[in-house]
PDB file of N, CA and C in Angstrom:
ATOM      1  N   UNK A   1      36.339  89.136  16.745  1.00  0.00           N
ATOM      2  CA  UNK A   1      35.799  88.222  17.730  1.00  0.00           C
ATOM      3  C   UNK A   1      34.855  87.252  17.015  1.00  0.00           C
ATOM      4  N   UNK A   2      34.957  85.973  17.338  1.00  0.00           N
ATOM      5  CA  UNK A   2      34.099  84.983  16.699  1.00  0.00           C
ATOM      6  C   UNK A   2      32.803  84.813  17.478  1.00  0.00           C
ATOM      7  N   UNK A   3      31.796  84.390  16.771  1.00  0.00           N
ATOM      8  CA  UNK A   3      30.486  84.148  17.368  1.00  0.00           C
ATOM      9  C   UNK A   3      30.490  82.739  17.957  1.00  0.00           C
ATOM     10  N   UNK A   4      30.264  82.604  19.283  1.00  0.00           N
ATOM     11  CA  UNK A   4      30.290  81.278  19.894  1.00  0.00           C
ATOM     12  C   UNK A   4      29.214  80.337  19.367  1.00  0.00           C
ATOM     13  N   UNK A   5      28.144  80.886  18.789  1.00  0.00           N
ATOM     14  CA  UNK A   5      27.116  80.027  18.203  1.00  0.00           C
ATOM     15  C   UNK A   5      27.532  79.478  16.853  1.00  0.00           C
ATOM     16  N   UNK A   6      28.521  80.111  16.240  1.00  0.00           N
ATOM     17  CA  UNK A   6      28.971  79.677  14.916  1.00  0.00           C
ATOM     18  C   UNK A   6      29.411  78.213  14.937  1.00  0.00           C
ATOM     19  N   UNK A   7      30.037  77.795  16.030  1.00  0.00           N
ATOM     20  CA  UNK A   7      30.553  76.429  16.124  1.00  0.00           C
ATOM     21  C   UNK A   7      29.557  75.455  16.756  1.00  0.00           C
ATOM     22  N   UNK A   8      28.360  75.920  17.061  1.00  0.00           N
ATOM     23  CA  UNK A   8      27.356  75.070  17.696  1.00  0.00           C
ATOM     24  C   UNK A   8      26.326  74.629  16.656  1.00  0.00           C
ATOM     25  N   UNK A   9      26.116  73.331  16.575  1.00  0.00           N
ATOM     26  CA  UNK A   9      25.041  72.784  15.745  1.00  0.00           C
ATOM     27  C   UNK A   9      23.819  72.673  16.654  1.00  0.00           C
ATOM     28  N   UNK A  10      22.850  73.537  16.452  1.00  0.00           N
ATOM     29  CA  UNK A  10      21.698  73.640  17.342  1.00  0.00           C
ATOM     30  C   UNK A  10      20.990  72.301  17.512  1.00  0.00           C
ATOM     31  N   UNK A  11      20.748  71.594  16.426  1.00  0.00           N
ATOM     32  CA  UNK A  11      20.028  70.322  16.526  1.00  0.00           C
ATOM     33  C   UNK A  11      20.834  69.286  17.306  1.00  0.00           C
ATOM     34  N   UNK A  12      22.153  69.297  17.147  1.00  0.00           N
ATOM     35  CA  UNK A  12      23.000  68.372  17.911  1.00  0.00           C
ATOM     36  C   UNK A  12      22.903  68.685  19.392  1.00  0.00           C
ATOM     37  N   UNK A  13      22.940  69.963  19.733  1.00  0.00           N
ATOM     38  CA  UNK A  13      22.855  70.358  21.140  1.00  0.00           C
ATOM     39  C   UNK A  13      21.477  70.072  21.717  1.00  0.00           C
ATOM     40  N   UNK A  14      20.443  70.304  20.936  1.00  0.00           N
ATOM     41  CA  UNK A  14      19.091  69.995  21.391  1.00  0.00           C
ATOM     42  C   UNK A  14      18.965  68.493  21.616  1.00  0.00           C
ATOM     43  N   UNK A  15      19.491  67.711  20.697  1.00  0.00           N
ATOM     44  CA  UNK A  15      19.464  66.256  20.833  1.00  0.00           C
ATOM     45  C   UNK A  15      20.178  65.806  22.103  1.00  0.00           C
ATOM     46  N   UNK A  16      21.292  66.449  22.424  1.00  0.00           N
ATOM     47  CA  UNK A  16      22.038  66.111  23.645  1.00  0.00           C
ATOM     48  C   UNK A  16      21.211  66.433  24.892  1.00  0.00           C
ATOM     49  N   UNK A  17      20.519  67.566  24.877  1.00  0.00           N
ATOM     50  CA  UNK A  17      19.675  67.936  26.018  1.00  0.00           C
ATOM     51  C   UNK A  17      18.520  66.947  26.155  1.00  0.00           C
ATOM     52  N   UNK A  18      17.887  66.603  25.051  1.00  0.00           N
ATOM     53  CA  UNK A  18      16.779  65.646  25.082  1.00  0.00           C
ATOM     54  C   UNK A  18      17.271  64.309  25.637  1.00  0.00           C
ATOM     55  N   UNK A  19      18.408  63.846  25.156  1.00  0.00           N
ATOM     56  CA  UNK A  19      18.961  62.577  25.639  1.00  0.00           C
ATOM     57  C   UNK A  19      19.253  62.635  27.139  1.00  0.00           C
ATOM     58  N   UNK A  20      19.780  63.750  27.583  1.00  0.00           N
ATOM     59  CA  UNK A  20      20.115  63.927  28.998  1.00  0.00           C
ATOM     60  C   UNK A  20      18.864  63.937  29.872  1.00  0.00           C
ATOM     61  N   UNK A  21      17.805  64.525  29.400  1.00  0.00           N
ATOM     62  CA  UNK A  21      16.584  64.690  30.190  1.00  0.00           C
ATOM     63  C   UNK A  21      15.569  63.557  29.974  1.00  0.00           C
ATOM     64  N   UNK A  22      15.778  62.725  28.954  1.00  0.00           N
ATOM     65  CA  UNK A  22      14.762  61.773  28.549  1.00  0.00           C
ATOM     66  C   UNK A  22      14.407  60.748  29.623  1.00  0.00           C
ATOM     67  N   UNK A  23      15.385  60.167  30.284  1.00  0.00           N
ATOM     68  CA  UNK A  23      15.089  59.119  31.273  1.00  0.00           C
ATOM     69  C   UNK A  23      14.193  59.644  32.388  1.00  0.00           C
ATOM     70  N   UNK A  24      14.481  60.841  32.878  1.00  0.00           N
ATOM     71  CA  UNK A  24      13.654  61.423  33.938  1.00  0.00           C
ATOM     72  C   UNK A  24      12.251  61.718  33.404  1.00  0.00           C
ATOM     73  N   UNK A  25      12.180  62.245  32.184  1.00  0.00           N
ATOM     74  CA  UNK A  25      10.890  62.527  31.561  1.00  0.00           C
ATOM     75  C   UNK A  25      10.089  61.229  31.396  1.00  0.00           C
ATOM     76  N   UNK A  26      10.738  60.188  30.894  1.00  0.00           N
ATOM     77  CA  UNK A  26      10.064  58.911  30.656  1.00  0.00           C
ATOM     78  C   UNK A  26       9.614  58.267  31.968  1.00  0.00           C
ATOM     79  N   UNK A  27      10.419  58.412  33.008  1.00  0.00           N
ATOM     80  CA  UNK A  27      10.040  57.852  34.307  1.00  0.00           C
ATOM     81  C   UNK A  27       8.826  58.586  34.883  1.00  0.00           C
ATOM     82  N   UNK A  28       8.777  59.881  34.672  1.00  0.00           N
ATOM     83  CA  UNK A  28       7.683  60.689  35.203  1.00  0.00           C
ATOM     84  C   UNK A  28       6.420  60.604  34.343  1.00  0.00           C
ATOM     85  N   UNK A  29       6.606  60.417  33.039  1.00  0.00           N
ATOM     86  CA  UNK A  29       5.477  60.392  32.095  1.00  0.00           C
ATOM     87  C   UNK A  29       5.638  59.228  31.115  1.00  0.00           C
ATOM     88  N   UNK A  30       5.541  58.000  31.596  1.00  0.00           N
ATOM     89  CA  UNK A  30       5.833  56.839  30.740  1.00  0.00           C
ATOM     90  C   UNK A  30       4.934  56.706  29.514  1.00  0.00           C
ATOM     91  N   UNK A  31       3.667  56.996  29.655  1.00  0.00           N
ATOM     92  CA  UNK A  31       2.761  56.886  28.500  1.00  0.00           C
ATOM     93  C   UNK A  31       3.094  57.908  27.426  1.00  0.00           C
ATOM     94  N   UNK A  32       3.347  59.122  27.849  1.00  0.00           N
ATOM     95  CA  UNK A  32       3.718  60.171  26.893  1.00  0.00           C
ATOM     96  C   UNK A  32       5.050  59.849  26.223  1.00  0.00           C
ATOM     97  N   UNK A  33       5.998  59.361  26.997  1.00  0.00           N
ATOM     98  CA  UNK A  33       7.316  59.027  26.452  1.00  0.00           C
ATOM     99  C   UNK A  33       7.229  57.921  25.397  1.00  0.00           C
ATOM    100  N   UNK A  34       6.270  57.016  25.572  1.00  0.00           N
ATOM    101  CA  UNK A  34       6.115  55.928  24.587  1.00  0.00           C
ATOM    102  C   UNK A  34       5.621  56.428  23.238  1.00  0.00           C
ATOM    103  N   UNK A  35       4.903  57.539  23.219  1.00  0.00           N
ATOM    104  CA  UNK A  35       4.342  58.008  21.956  1.00  0.00           C
ATOM    105  C   UNK A  35       5.098  59.194  21.355  1.00  0.00           C
ATOM    106  N   UNK A  36       6.040  59.763  22.090  1.00  0.00           N
ATOM    107  CA  UNK A  36       6.811  60.895  21.580  1.00  0.00           C
ATOM    108  C   UNK A  36       8.058  60.367  20.883  1.00  0.00           C
ATOM    109  N   UNK A  37       8.211  60.720  19.639  1.00  0.00           N
ATOM    110  CA  UNK A  37       9.393  60.361  18.857  1.00  0.00           C
ATOM    111  C   UNK A  37      10.484  61.388  19.173  1.00  0.00           C
ATOM    112  N   UNK A  38      11.613  60.924  19.690  1.00  0.00           N
ATOM    113  CA  UNK A  38      12.675  61.848  20.096  1.00  0.00           C
ATOM    114  C   UNK A  38      13.219  62.661  18.927  1.00  0.00           C
ATOM    115  N   UNK A  39      13.314  62.054  17.748  1.00  0.00           N
ATOM    116  CA  UNK A  39      13.804  62.789  16.575  1.00  0.00           C
ATOM    117  C   UNK A  39      12.847  63.942  16.235  1.00  0.00           C
ATOM    118  N   UNK A  40      11.548  63.651  16.245  1.00  0.00           N
ATOM    119  CA  UNK A  40      10.568  64.712  15.978  1.00  0.00           C
ATOM    120  C   UNK A  40      10.571  65.762  17.085  1.00  0.00           C
ATOM    121  N   UNK A  41      10.833  65.327  18.305  1.00  0.00           N
ATOM    122  CA  UNK A  41      10.935  66.275  19.414  1.00  0.00           C
ATOM    123  C   UNK A  41      12.090  67.243  19.193  1.00  0.00           C
ATOM    124  N   UNK A  42      13.226  66.725  18.730  1.00  0.00           N
ATOM    125  CA  UNK A  42      14.383  67.578  18.436  1.00  0.00           C
ATOM    126  C   UNK A  42      14.045  68.563  17.324  1.00  0.00           C
ATOM    127  N   UNK A  43      13.421  68.079  16.265  1.00  0.00           N
ATOM    128  CA  UNK A  43      13.030  68.953  15.148  1.00  0.00           C
ATOM    129  C   UNK A  43      12.054  70.037  15.619  1.00  0.00           C
ATOM    130  N   UNK A  44      11.072  69.625  16.407  1.00  0.00           N
ATOM    131  CA  UNK A  44      10.080  70.581  16.914  1.00  0.00           C
ATOM    132  C   UNK A  44      10.716  71.602  17.842  1.00  0.00           C
ATOM    133  N   UNK A  45      11.614  71.148  18.692  1.00  0.00           N
ATOM    134  CA  UNK A  45      12.292  72.063  19.616  1.00  0.00           C
ATOM    135  C   UNK A  45      13.153  73.060  18.850  1.00  0.00           C
ATOM    136  N   UNK A  46      13.832  72.611  17.806  1.00  0.00           N
ATOM    137  CA  UNK A  46      14.669  73.517  17.004  1.00  0.00           C
ATOM    138  C   UNK A  46      13.800  74.594  16.349  1.00  0.00           C
ATOM    139  N   UNK A  47      12.673  74.178  15.787  1.00  0.00           N
ATOM    140  CA  UNK A  47      11.760  75.158  15.189  1.00  0.00           C
ATOM    141  C   UNK A  47      11.224  76.124  16.241  1.00  0.00           C
ATOM    142  N   UNK A  48      10.849  75.583  17.383  1.00  0.00           N
ATOM    143  CA  UNK A  48      10.297  76.419  18.453  1.00  0.00           C
ATOM    144  C   UNK A  48      11.328  77.430  18.958  1.00  0.00           C
ATOM    145  N   UNK A  49      12.581  76.990  19.120  1.00  0.00           N
ATOM    146  CA  UNK A  49      13.617  77.920  19.576  1.00  0.00           C
ATOM    147  C   UNK A  49      13.840  79.033  18.570  1.00  0.00           C
ATOM    148  N   UNK A  50      13.820  78.693  17.308  1.00  0.00           N
ATOM    149  CA  UNK A  50      14.023  79.714  16.278  1.00  0.00           C
ATOM    150  C   UNK A  50      12.898  80.743  16.264  1.00  0.00           C
ATOM    151  N   UNK A  51      11.723  80.370  16.786  1.00  0.00           N
ATOM    152  CA  UNK A  51      10.579  81.287  16.827  1.00  0.00           C
ATOM    153  C   UNK A  51      10.366  81.926  18.198  1.00  0.00           C
ATOM    154  N   UNK A  52      11.055  81.421  19.209  1.00  0.00           N
ATOM    155  CA  UNK A  52      10.868  81.891  20.586  1.00  0.00           C
ATOM    156  C   UNK A  52      11.584  83.223  20.792  1.00  0.00           C
ATOM    157  N   UNK A  53      10.801  84.270  21.007  1.00  0.00           N
ATOM    158  CA  UNK A  53      11.392  85.612  21.138  1.00  0.00           C
ATOM    159  C   UNK A  53      12.262  85.727  22.389  1.00  0.00           C
ATOM    160  N   UNK A  54      11.895  85.066  23.479  1.00  0.00           N
ATOM    161  CA  UNK A  54      12.730  85.103  24.681  1.00  0.00           C
ATOM    162  C   UNK A  54      14.084  84.457  24.412  1.00  0.00           C
ATOM    163  N   UNK A  55      14.075  83.318  23.731  1.00  0.00           N
ATOM    164  CA  UNK A  55      15.331  82.654  23.378  1.00  0.00           C
ATOM    165  C   UNK A  55      16.160  83.551  22.468  1.00  0.00           C
ATOM    166  N   UNK A  56      15.526  84.131  21.467  1.00  0.00           N
ATOM    167  CA  UNK A  56      16.250  85.000  20.540  1.00  0.00           C
ATOM    168  C   UNK A  56      16.855  86.202  21.264  1.00  0.00           C
ATOM    169  N   UNK A  57      16.097  86.793  22.191  1.00  0.00           N
ATOM    170  CA  UNK A  57      16.616  87.920  22.981  1.00  0.00           C
ATOM    171  C   UNK A  57      17.794  87.477  23.842  1.00  0.00           C
ATOM    172  N   UNK A  58      17.670  86.304  24.454  1.00  0.00           N
ATOM    173  CA  UNK A  58      18.757  85.787  25.291  1.00  0.00           C
ATOM    174  C   UNK A  58      20.023  85.574  24.471  1.00  0.00           C
ATOM    175  N   UNK A  59      19.875  85.014  23.285  1.00  0.00           N
ATOM    176  CA  UNK A  59      21.029  84.789  22.406  1.00  0.00           C
ATOM    177  C   UNK A  59      21.623  86.128  21.981  1.00  0.00           C
ATOM    178  N   UNK A  60      20.775  87.072  21.625  1.00  0.00           N
ATOM    179  CA  UNK A  60      21.252  88.400  21.223  1.00  0.00           C
ATOM    180  C   UNK A  60      22.006  89.067  22.366  1.00  0.00           C
ATOM    181  N   UNK A  61      21.449  88.989  23.574  1.00  0.00           N
ATOM    182  CA  UNK A  61      22.120  89.582  24.737  1.00  0.00           C
ATOM    183  C   UNK A  61      23.440  88.890  25.040  1.00  0.00           C
ATOM    184  N   UNK A  62      23.459  87.571  24.934  1.00  0.00           N
ATOM    185  CA  UNK A  62      24.693  86.824  25.189  1.00  0.00           C
ATOM    186  C   UNK A  62      25.765  87.197  24.169  1.00  0.00           C
ATOM    187  N   UNK A  63      25.361  87.344  22.921  1.00  0.00           N
ATOM    188  CA  UNK A  63      26.311  87.763  21.887  1.00  0.00           C
ATOM    189  C   UNK A  63      26.827  89.184  22.166  1.00  0.00           C
ATOM    190  N   UNK A  64      25.931  90.062  22.629  1.00  0.00           N
ATOM    191  CA  UNK A  64      26.306  91.456  22.873  1.00  0.00           C
ATOM    192  C   UNK A  64      27.375  91.580  23.952  1.00  0.00           C
ATOM    193  N   UNK A  65      27.361  90.670  24.902  1.00  0.00           N
ATOM    194  CA  UNK A  65      28.364  90.724  25.976  1.00  0.00           C
ATOM    195  C   UNK A  65      29.506  89.731  25.728  1.00  0.00           C
ATOM    196  N   UNK A  66      29.560  89.218  24.492  1.00  0.00           N
ATOM    197  CA  UNK A  66      30.606  88.269  24.105  1.00  0.00           C
ATOM    198  C   UNK A  66      30.662  87.046  25.009  1.00  0.00           C
ATOM    199  N   UNK A  67      29.479  86.528  25.350  1.00  0.00           N
ATOM    200  CA  UNK A  67      29.412  85.323  26.171  1.00  0.00           C
ATOM    201  C   UNK A  67      30.042  84.163  25.406  1.00  0.00           C
ATOM    202  N   UNK A  68      30.630  83.270  26.126  1.00  0.00           N
ATOM    203  CA  UNK A  68      31.283  82.125  25.509  1.00  0.00           C
ATOM    204  C   UNK A  68      30.320  81.020  25.140  1.00  0.00           C
ATOM    205  N   UNK A  69      30.868  79.988  24.549  1.00  0.00           N
ATOM    206  CA  UNK A  69      30.077  78.860  24.089  1.00  0.00           C
ATOM    207  C   UNK A  69      29.359  78.176  25.255  1.00  0.00           C
ATOM    208  N   UNK A  70      29.985  78.120  26.406  1.00  0.00           N
ATOM    209  CA  UNK A  70      29.367  77.478  27.563  1.00  0.00           C
ATOM    210  C   UNK A  70      28.053  78.178  27.937  1.00  0.00           C
ATOM    211  N   UNK A  71      28.048  79.491  27.888  1.00  0.00           N
ATOM    212  CA  UNK A  71      26.830  80.256  28.185  1.00  0.00           C
ATOM    213  C   UNK A  71      25.758  79.946  27.145  1.00  0.00           C
ATOM    214  N   UNK A  72      26.156  79.889  25.891  1.00  0.00           N
ATOM    215  CA  UNK A  72      25.200  79.581  24.823  1.00  0.00           C
ATOM    216  C   UNK A  72      24.598  78.189  25.022  1.00  0.00           C
ATOM    217  N   UNK A  73      25.429  77.226  25.393  1.00  0.00           N
ATOM    218  CA  UNK A  73      24.931  75.869  25.612  1.00  0.00           C
ATOM    219  C   UNK A  73      23.979  75.818  26.806  1.00  0.00           C
ATOM    220  N   UNK A  74      24.241  76.603  27.831  1.00  0.00           N
ATOM    221  CA  UNK A  74      23.333  76.664  28.979  1.00  0.00           C
ATOM    222  C   UNK A  74      21.994  77.268  28.573  1.00  0.00           C
ATOM    223  N   UNK A  75      22.024  78.270  27.699  1.00  0.00           N
ATOM    224  CA  UNK A  75      20.777  78.854  27.205  1.00  0.00           C
ATOM    225  C   UNK A  75      19.970  77.808  26.439  1.00  0.00           C
ATOM    226  N   UNK A  76      20.642  77.067  25.582  1.00  0.00           N
ATOM    227  CA  UNK A  76      19.963  76.022  24.813  1.00  0.00           C
ATOM    228  C   UNK A  76      19.358  75.002  25.765  1.00  0.00           C
ATOM    229  N   UNK A  77      20.133  74.574  26.763  1.00  0.00           N
ATOM    230  CA  UNK A  77      19.643  73.603  27.742  1.00  0.00           C
ATOM    231  C   UNK A  77      18.401  74.128  28.449  1.00  0.00           C
ATOM    232  N   UNK A  78      18.449  75.374  28.893  1.00  0.00           N
ATOM    233  CA  UNK A  78      17.327  75.957  29.628  1.00  0.00           C
ATOM    234  C   UNK A  78      16.072  76.016  28.761  1.00  0.00           C
ATOM    235  N   UNK A  79      16.221  76.458  27.527  1.00  0.00           N
ATOM    236  CA  UNK A  79      15.046  76.595  26.670  1.00  0.00           C
ATOM    237  C   UNK A  79      14.518  75.255  26.173  1.00  0.00           C
ATOM    238  N   UNK A  80      15.391  74.288  25.937  1.00  0.00           N
ATOM    239  CA  UNK A  80      14.916  72.958  25.527  1.00  0.00           C
ATOM    240  C   UNK A  80      14.205  72.290  26.701  1.00  0.00           C
ATOM    241  N   UNK A  81      14.739  72.422  27.893  1.00  0.00           N
ATOM    242  CA  UNK A  81      14.083  71.860  29.073  1.00  0.00           C
ATOM    243  C   UNK A  81      12.698  72.477  29.252  1.00  0.00           C
ATOM    244  N   UNK A  82      12.615  73.772  29.030  1.00  0.00           N
ATOM    245  CA  UNK A  82      11.323  74.482  29.109  1.00  0.00           C
ATOM    246  C   UNK A  82      10.373  73.960  28.029  1.00  0.00           C
ATOM    247  N   UNK A  83      10.898  73.724  26.826  1.00  0.00           N
ATOM    248  CA  UNK A  83      10.074  73.214  25.729  1.00  0.00           C
ATOM    249  C   UNK A  83       9.548  71.828  26.060  1.00  0.00           C
ATOM    250  N   UNK A  84      10.394  70.972  26.592  1.00  0.00           N
ATOM    251  CA  UNK A  84       9.962  69.614  26.966  1.00  0.00           C
ATOM    252  C   UNK A  84       8.857  69.683  28.013  1.00  0.00           C
ATOM    253  N   UNK A  85       8.986  70.610  28.931  1.00  0.00           N
ATOM    254  CA  UNK A  85       7.968  70.755  29.980  1.00  0.00           C
ATOM    255  C   UNK A  85       6.611  71.150  29.398  1.00  0.00           C
ATOM    256  N   UNK A  86       6.601  71.796  28.251  1.00  0.00           N
ATOM    257  CA  UNK A  86       5.324  72.190  27.643  1.00  0.00           C
ATOM    258  C   UNK A  86       4.566  70.999  27.070  1.00  0.00           C
ATOM    259  N   UNK A  87       5.234  69.866  26.933  1.00  0.00           N
ATOM    260  CA  UNK A  87       4.569  68.673  26.413  1.00  0.00           C
ATOM    261  C   UNK A  87       3.589  68.074  27.407  1.00  0.00           C
ATOM    262  N   UNK A  88       3.774  68.407  28.650  1.00  0.00           N
ATOM    263  CA  UNK A  88       2.997  67.769  29.721  1.00  0.00           C
ATOM    264  C   UNK A  88       1.625  68.404  29.843  1.00  0.00           C
TER     265      UNK A  88
END
């Protein structure tokens, strides 16, 4: 059985989540959005996810039940959205 995370580039997926959520974030927090560099946000989110024990447990549990790539991407989306919310 293959690991669904094997084919996922974490930074690419984080970047996609940031891009998807950015307009709403910028509309709600325009001053903060003007000073936050999206590239640095992606880098910071990737580092934070790698250190986040809840995220790591979720990934481990998803792997244990052979969750598919879609589940993994939803986990990334949930944790990146949570990370963005911590900026406020």
